[in-house]
Amino acid sequence: MRQWPAAFARFCYEFVVGDTPELALGVAVIIVGAWLLVRTVGPGTFWCIPLAVVVLMVATLWHAISGAPS
């Protein structure tokens, strides 16, 4: 019974971070940045979220294809 919290924490880490911690960090930065942008500028800036996700995906894919070390 005492082992399930550690096992659950390991599962959550593997589920969220997995093989690409930079992708998980990028998503967290996008979420916080979007929240700050909406708080300061207004809700009309919702379009920046999909654009940031596309940029993050392209950058991650480019990094993986280029064979650069992690």
PDB file of N, CA and C in Angstrom:
ATOM      1  N   MET A   1       0.815  -1.200   0.000  1.00  0.00           N
ATOM      2  CA  MET A   1       0.000   0.000   0.000  1.00  0.00           C
ATOM      3  C   MET A   1       0.856   1.260   0.000  1.00  0.00           C
ATOM      4  N   ARG A   2       2.063   1.158   0.518  1.00  0.00           N
ATOM      5  CA  ARG A   2       2.905   2.343   0.612  1.00  0.00           C
ATOM      6  C   ARG A   2       3.660   2.598  -0.683  1.00  0.00           C
ATOM      7  N   GLN A   3       3.621   1.658  -1.619  1.00  0.00           N
ATOM      8  CA  GLN A   3       4.364   1.815  -2.865  1.00  0.00           C
ATOM      9  C   GLN A   3       3.562   2.515  -3.959  1.00  0.00           C
ATOM     10  N   TRP A   4       2.262   2.580  -3.836  1.00  0.00           N
ATOM     11  CA  TRP A   4       1.476   3.136  -4.922  1.00  0.00           C
ATOM     12  C   TRP A   4       1.690   4.629  -5.125  1.00  0.00           C
ATOM     13  N   PRO A   5       1.973   5.469  -4.116  1.00  0.00           N
ATOM     14  CA  PRO A   5       2.244   6.879  -4.427  1.00  0.00           C
ATOM     15  C   PRO A   5       3.491   7.062  -5.295  1.00  0.00           C
ATOM     16  N   ALA A   6       4.530   6.310  -5.019  1.00  0.00           N
ATOM     17  CA  ALA A   6       5.749   6.410  -5.825  1.00  0.00           C
ATOM     18  C   ALA A   6       5.492   5.888  -7.236  1.00  0.00           C
ATOM     19  N   ALA A   7       4.753   4.804  -7.350  1.00  0.00           N
ATOM     20  CA  ALA A   7       4.442   4.261  -8.672  1.00  0.00           C
ATOM     21  C   ALA A   7       3.563   5.232  -9.460  1.00  0.00           C
ATOM     22  N   PHE A   8       2.625   5.865  -8.798  1.00  0.00           N
ATOM     23  CA  PHE A   8       1.765   6.845  -9.466  1.00  0.00           C
ATOM     24  C   PHE A   8       2.569   8.068  -9.906  1.00  0.00           C
ATOM     25  N   ALA A   9       3.505   8.509  -9.086  1.00  0.00           N
ATOM     26  CA  ALA A   9       4.356   9.646  -9.444  1.00  0.00           C
ATOM     27  C   ALA A   9       5.225   9.300 -10.647  1.00  0.00           C
ATOM     28  N   ARG A  10       5.777   8.095 -10.680  1.00  0.00           N
ATOM     29  CA  ARG A  10       6.575   7.675 -11.836  1.00  0.00           C
ATOM     30  C   ARG A  10       5.723   7.623 -13.102  1.00  0.00           C
ATOM     31  N   PHE A  11       4.496   7.112 -12.970  1.00  0.00           N
ATOM     32  CA  PHE A  11       3.591   7.059 -14.113  1.00  0.00           C
ATOM     33  C   PHE A  11       3.279   8.461 -14.624  1.00  0.00           C
ATOM     34  N   CYS A  12       2.973   9.387 -13.719  1.00  0.00           N
ATOM     35  CA  CYS A  12       2.657  10.755 -14.125  1.00  0.00           C
ATOM     36  C   CYS A  12       3.841  11.413 -14.816  1.00  0.00           C
ATOM     37  N   TYR A  13       5.037  11.203 -14.291  1.00  0.00           N
ATOM     38  CA  TYR A  13       6.230  11.772 -14.908  1.00  0.00           C
ATOM     39  C   TYR A  13       6.416  11.217 -16.315  1.00  0.00           C
ATOM     40  N   GLU A  14       6.303   9.910 -16.471  1.00  0.00           N
ATOM     41  CA  GLU A  14       6.472   9.299 -17.787  1.00  0.00           C
ATOM     42  C   GLU A  14       5.367   9.719 -18.746  1.00  0.00           C
ATOM     43  N   PHE A  15       4.152   9.909 -18.229  1.00  0.00           N
ATOM     44  CA  PHE A  15       3.035  10.305 -19.078  1.00  0.00           C
ATOM     45  C   PHE A  15       3.190  11.738 -19.566  1.00  0.00           C
ATOM     46  N   VAL A  16       3.600  12.646 -18.689  1.00  0.00           N
ATOM     47  CA  VAL A  16       3.707  14.061 -19.048  1.00  0.00           C
ATOM     48  C   VAL A  16       5.020  14.350 -19.760  1.00  0.00           C
ATOM     49  N   VAL A  17       6.125  13.899 -19.209  1.00  0.00           N
ATOM     50  CA  VAL A  17       7.433  14.238 -19.764  1.00  0.00           C
ATOM     51  C   VAL A  17       7.838  13.243 -20.841  1.00  0.00           C
ATOM     52  N   GLY A  18       7.808  11.973 -20.540  1.00  0.00           N
ATOM     53  CA  GLY A  18       8.157  10.953 -21.520  1.00  0.00           C
ATOM     54  C   GLY A  18       9.587  11.082 -21.999  1.00  0.00           C
ATOM     55  N   ASP A  19       9.769  11.014 -23.315  1.00  0.00           N
ATOM     56  CA  ASP A  19      11.098  11.073 -23.914  1.00  0.00           C
ATOM     57  C   ASP A  19      11.551  12.491 -24.231  1.00  0.00           C
ATOM     58  N   THR A  20      10.646  13.449 -24.212  1.00  0.00           N
ATOM     59  CA  THR A  20      10.990  14.809 -24.617  1.00  0.00           C
ATOM     60  C   THR A  20      10.623  15.821 -23.528  1.00  0.00           C
ATOM     61  N   PRO A  21      11.530  16.033 -22.582  1.00  0.00           N
ATOM     62  CA  PRO A  21      11.225  17.012 -21.532  1.00  0.00           C
ATOM     63  C   PRO A  21      11.112  18.430 -22.073  1.00  0.00           C
ATOM     64  N   GLU A  22      11.799  18.735 -23.183  1.00  0.00           N
ATOM     65  CA  GLU A  22      11.687  20.085 -23.736  1.00  0.00           C
ATOM     66  C   GLU A  22      10.286  20.354 -24.278  1.00  0.00           C
ATOM     67  N   LEU A  23       9.600  19.332 -24.738  1.00  0.00           N
ATOM     68  CA  LEU A  23       8.233  19.503 -25.200  1.00  0.00           C
ATOM     69  C   LEU A  23       7.293  19.785 -24.026  1.00  0.00           C
ATOM     70  N   ALA A  24       7.465  19.071 -22.927  1.00  0.00           N
ATOM     71  CA  ALA A  24       6.648  19.322 -21.743  1.00  0.00           C
ATOM     72  C   ALA A  24       6.906  20.723 -21.197  1.00  0.00           C
ATOM     73  N   LEU A  25       8.162  21.132 -21.174  1.00  0.00           N
ATOM     74  CA  LEU A  25       8.495  22.479 -20.718  1.00  0.00           C
ATOM     75  C   LEU A  25       7.919  23.526 -21.665  1.00  0.00           C
ATOM     76  N   GLY A  26       7.986  23.278 -22.959  1.00  0.00           N
ATOM     77  CA  GLY A  26       7.428  24.211 -23.933  1.00  0.00           C
ATOM     78  C   GLY A  26       5.930  24.387 -23.772  1.00  0.00           C
ATOM     79  N   VAL A  27       5.226  23.309 -23.523  1.00  0.00           N
ATOM     80  CA  VAL A  27       3.779  23.397 -23.312  1.00  0.00           C
ATOM     81  C   VAL A  27       3.470  24.200 -22.049  1.00  0.00           C
ATOM     82  N   ALA A  28       4.250  23.980 -20.994  1.00  0.00           N
ATOM     83  CA  ALA A  28       4.044  24.754 -19.765  1.00  0.00           C
ATOM     84  C   ALA A  28       4.302  26.238 -20.013  1.00  0.00           C
ATOM     85  N   VAL A  29       5.340  26.558 -20.778  1.00  0.00           N
ATOM     86  CA  VAL A  29       5.636  27.960 -21.095  1.00  0.00           C
ATOM     87  C   VAL A  29       4.514  28.572 -21.943  1.00  0.00           C
ATOM     88  N   ILE A  30       3.986  27.813 -22.883  1.00  0.00           N
ATOM     89  CA  ILE A  30       2.883  28.311 -23.705  1.00  0.00           C
ATOM     90  C   ILE A  30       1.655  28.596 -22.851  1.00  0.00           C
ATOM     91  N   ILE A  31       1.344  27.701 -21.923  1.00  0.00           N
ATOM     92  CA  ILE A  31       0.165  27.898 -21.078  1.00  0.00           C
ATOM     93  C   ILE A  31       0.320  29.130 -20.204  1.00  0.00           C
ATOM     94  N   VAL A  32       1.471  29.271 -19.562  1.00  0.00           N
ATOM     95  CA  VAL A  32       1.697  30.438 -18.696  1.00  0.00           C
ATOM     96  C   VAL A  32       1.753  31.718 -19.528  1.00  0.00           C
ATOM     97  N   GLY A  33       2.434  31.660 -20.668  1.00  0.00           N
ATOM     98  CA  GLY A  33       2.516  32.836 -21.528  1.00  0.00           C
ATOM     99  C   GLY A  33       1.153  33.267 -22.055  1.00  0.00           C
ATOM    100  N   ALA A  34       0.330  32.310 -22.444  1.00  0.00           N
ATOM    101  CA  ALA A  34      -1.011  32.634 -22.923  1.00  0.00           C
ATOM    102  C   ALA A  34      -1.852  33.236 -21.807  1.00  0.00           C
ATOM    103  N   TRP A  35      -1.727  32.705 -20.612  1.00  0.00           N
ATOM    104  CA  TRP A  35      -2.467  33.247 -19.477  1.00  0.00           C
ATOM    105  C   TRP A  35      -2.054  34.695 -19.209  1.00  0.00           C
ATOM    106  N   LEU A  36      -0.744  34.941 -19.225  1.00  0.00           N
ATOM    107  CA  LEU A  36      -0.263  36.302 -19.001  1.00  0.00           C
ATOM    108  C   LEU A  36      -0.703  37.248 -20.118  1.00  0.00           C
ATOM    109  N   LEU A  37      -0.662  36.778 -21.352  1.00  0.00           N
ATOM    110  CA  LEU A  37      -1.066  37.608 -22.477  1.00  0.00           C
ATOM    111  C   LEU A  37      -2.550  37.959 -22.408  1.00  0.00           C
ATOM    112  N   VAL A  38      -3.371  37.000 -22.074  1.00  0.00           N
ATOM    113  CA  VAL A  38      -4.804  37.255 -21.966  1.00  0.00           C
ATOM    114  C   VAL A  38      -5.099  38.197 -20.800  1.00  0.00           C
ATOM    115  N   ARG A  39      -4.361  38.048 -19.691  1.00  0.00           N
ATOM    116  CA  ARG A  39      -4.565  38.928 -18.535  1.00  0.00           C
ATOM    117  C   ARG A  39      -4.158  40.366 -18.833  1.00  0.00           C
ATOM    118  N   THR A  40      -3.099  40.559 -19.636  1.00  0.00           N
ATOM    119  CA  THR A  40      -2.605  41.913 -19.881  1.00  0.00           C
ATOM    120  C   THR A  40      -3.242  42.564 -21.111  1.00  0.00           C
ATOM    121  N   VAL A  41      -3.408  41.809 -22.189  1.00  0.00           N
ATOM    122  CA  VAL A  41      -3.905  42.394 -23.433  1.00  0.00           C
ATOM    123  C   VAL A  41      -5.417  42.213 -23.573  1.00  0.00           C
ATOM    124  N   GLY A  42      -5.881  41.019 -23.309  1.00  0.00           N
ATOM    125  CA  GLY A  42      -7.306  40.746 -23.433  1.00  0.00           C
ATOM    126  C   GLY A  42      -7.559  39.424 -24.119  1.00  0.00           C
ATOM    127  N   PRO A  43      -8.817  38.994 -24.122  1.00  0.00           N
ATOM    128  CA  PRO A  43      -9.137  37.678 -24.673  1.00  0.00           C
ATOM    129  C   PRO A  43      -9.028  37.605 -26.191  1.00  0.00           C
ATOM    130  N   GLY A  44      -8.825  38.709 -26.858  1.00  0.00           N
ATOM    131  CA  GLY A  44      -8.678  38.688 -28.314  1.00  0.00           C
ATOM    132  C   GLY A  44      -7.364  38.082 -28.777  1.00  0.00           C
ATOM    133  N   THR A  45      -6.524  37.728 -27.860  1.00  0.00           N
ATOM    134  CA  THR A  45      -5.224  37.164 -28.215  1.00  0.00           C
ATOM    135  C   THR A  45      -5.218  35.643 -28.191  1.00  0.00           C
ATOM    136  N   PHE A  46      -6.391  35.034 -28.258  1.00  0.00           N
ATOM    137  CA  PHE A  46      -6.487  33.571 -28.187  1.00  0.00           C
ATOM    138  C   PHE A  46      -5.781  32.896 -29.346  1.00  0.00           C
ATOM    139  N   TRP A  47      -5.631  33.576 -30.473  1.00  0.00           N
ATOM    140  CA  TRP A  47      -5.013  32.999 -31.662  1.00  0.00           C
ATOM    141  C   TRP A  47      -3.537  32.664 -31.451  1.00  0.00           C
ATOM    142  N   CYS A  48      -2.913  33.248 -30.428  1.00  0.00           N
ATOM    143  CA  CYS A  48      -1.484  32.992 -30.217  1.00  0.00           C
ATOM    144  C   CYS A  48      -1.219  31.579 -29.701  1.00  0.00           C
ATOM    145  N   ILE A  49      -2.186  30.947 -29.080  1.00  0.00           N
ATOM    146  CA  ILE A  49      -1.977  29.607 -28.525  1.00  0.00           C
ATOM    147  C   ILE A  49      -1.760  28.568 -29.631  1.00  0.00           C
ATOM    148  N   PRO A  50      -2.636  28.462 -30.632  1.00  0.00           N
ATOM    149  CA  PRO A  50      -2.363  27.483 -31.692  1.00  0.00           C
ATOM    150  C   PRO A  50      -1.082  27.793 -32.462  1.00  0.00           C
ATOM    151  N   LEU A  51      -0.785  29.072 -32.658  1.00  0.00           N
ATOM    152  CA  LEU A  51       0.442  29.449 -33.352  1.00  0.00           C
ATOM    153  C   LEU A  51       1.666  29.011 -32.551  1.00  0.00           C
ATOM    154  N   ALA A  52       1.646  29.209 -31.250  1.00  0.00           N
ATOM    155  CA  ALA A  52       2.775  28.799 -30.405  1.00  0.00           C
ATOM    156  C   ALA A  52       2.927  27.284 -30.389  1.00  0.00           C
ATOM    157  N   VAL A  53       1.831  26.557 -30.392  1.00  0.00           N
ATOM    158  CA  VAL A  53       1.900  25.091 -30.407  1.00  0.00           C
ATOM    159  C   VAL A  53       2.487  24.599 -31.720  1.00  0.00           C
ATOM    160  N   VAL A  54       2.095  25.202 -32.836  1.00  0.00           N
ATOM    161  CA  VAL A  54       2.657  24.809 -34.132  1.00  0.00           C
ATOM    162  C   VAL A  54       4.155  25.098 -34.174  1.00  0.00           C
ATOM    163  N   VAL A  55       4.572  26.258 -33.678  1.00  0.00           N
ATOM    164  CA  VAL A  55       5.993  26.594 -33.648  1.00  0.00           C
ATOM    165  C   VAL A  55       6.748  25.601 -32.771  1.00  0.00           C
ATOM    166  N   LEU A  56       6.195  25.257 -31.631  1.00  0.00           N
ATOM    167  CA  LEU A  56       6.846  24.288 -30.745  1.00  0.00           C
ATOM    168  C   LEU A  56       6.965  22.921 -31.407  1.00  0.00           C
ATOM    169  N   MET A  57       5.920  22.474 -32.077  1.00  0.00           N
ATOM    170  CA  MET A  57       5.968  21.175 -32.745  1.00  0.00           C
ATOM    171  C   MET A  57       6.993  21.161 -33.878  1.00  0.00           C
ATOM    172  N   VAL A  58       7.053  22.230 -34.657  1.00  0.00           N
ATOM    173  CA  VAL A  58       8.024  22.297 -35.746  1.00  0.00           C
ATOM    174  C   VAL A  58       9.445  22.308 -35.184  1.00  0.00           C
ATOM    175  N   ALA A  59       9.670  23.071 -34.125  1.00  0.00           N
ATOM    176  CA  ALA A  59      11.003  23.121 -33.524  1.00  0.00           C
ATOM    177  C   ALA A  59      11.408  21.767 -32.957  1.00  0.00           C
ATOM    178  N   THR A  60      10.502  21.070 -32.323  1.00  0.00           N
ATOM    179  CA  THR A  60      10.801  19.753 -31.767  1.00  0.00           C
ATOM    180  C   THR A  60      11.068  18.745 -32.875  1.00  0.00           C
ATOM    181  N   LEU A  61      10.274  18.790 -33.926  1.00  0.00           N
ATOM    182  CA  LEU A  61      10.482  17.885 -35.058  1.00  0.00           C
ATOM    183  C   LEU A  61      11.805  18.173 -35.740  1.00  0.00           C
ATOM    184  N   TRP A  62      12.136  19.432 -35.927  1.00  0.00           N
ATOM    185  CA  TRP A  62      13.399  19.808 -36.551  1.00  0.00           C
ATOM    186  C   TRP A  62      14.583  19.330 -35.706  1.00  0.00           C
ATOM    187  N   HIS A  63      14.457  19.466 -34.404  1.00  0.00           N
ATOM    188  CA  HIS A  63      15.504  19.008 -33.496  1.00  0.00           C
ATOM    189  C   HIS A  63      15.681  17.490 -33.603  1.00  0.00           C
ATOM    190  N   ALA A  64      14.589  16.765 -33.712  1.00  0.00           N
ATOM    191  CA  ALA A  64      14.662  15.302 -33.797  1.00  0.00           C
ATOM    192  C   ALA A  64      15.227  14.852 -35.141  1.00  0.00           C
ATOM    193  N   ILE A  65      14.843  15.515 -36.215  1.00  0.00           N
ATOM    194  CA  ILE A  65      15.316  15.125 -37.538  1.00  0.00           C
ATOM    195  C   ILE A  65      16.787  15.475 -37.738  1.00  0.00           C
ATOM    196  N   SER A  66      17.212  16.597 -37.175  1.00  0.00           N
ATOM    197  CA  SER A  66      18.587  17.034 -37.390  1.00  0.00           C
ATOM    198  C   SER A  66      19.608  16.127 -36.689  1.00  0.00           C
ATOM    199  N   GLY A  67      19.148  15.322 -35.768  1.00  0.00           N
ATOM    200  CA  GLY A  67      20.056  14.414 -35.063  1.00  0.00           C
ATOM    201  C   GLY A  67      20.898  15.101 -34.021  1.00  0.00           C
ATOM    202  N   ALA A  68      20.498  16.278 -33.612  1.00  0.00           N
ATOM    203  CA  ALA A  68      21.249  17.016 -32.594  1.00  0.00           C
ATOM    204  C   ALA A  68      21.149  16.288 -31.266  1.00  0.00           C
ATOM    205  N   PRO A  69      22.230  16.277 -30.496  1.00  0.00           N
ATOM    206  CA  PRO A  69      22.163  15.609 -29.195  1.00  0.00           C
ATOM    207  C   PRO A  69      21.240  16.362 -28.243  1.00  0.00           C
ATOM    208  N   SER A  70      20.583  15.626 -27.377  1.00  0.00           N
ATOM    209  CA  SER A  70      19.633  16.230 -26.440  1.00  0.00           C
ATOM    210  C   SER A  70      20.306  17.042 -25.384  1.00  0.00           C
TER     211      SER A  70
END
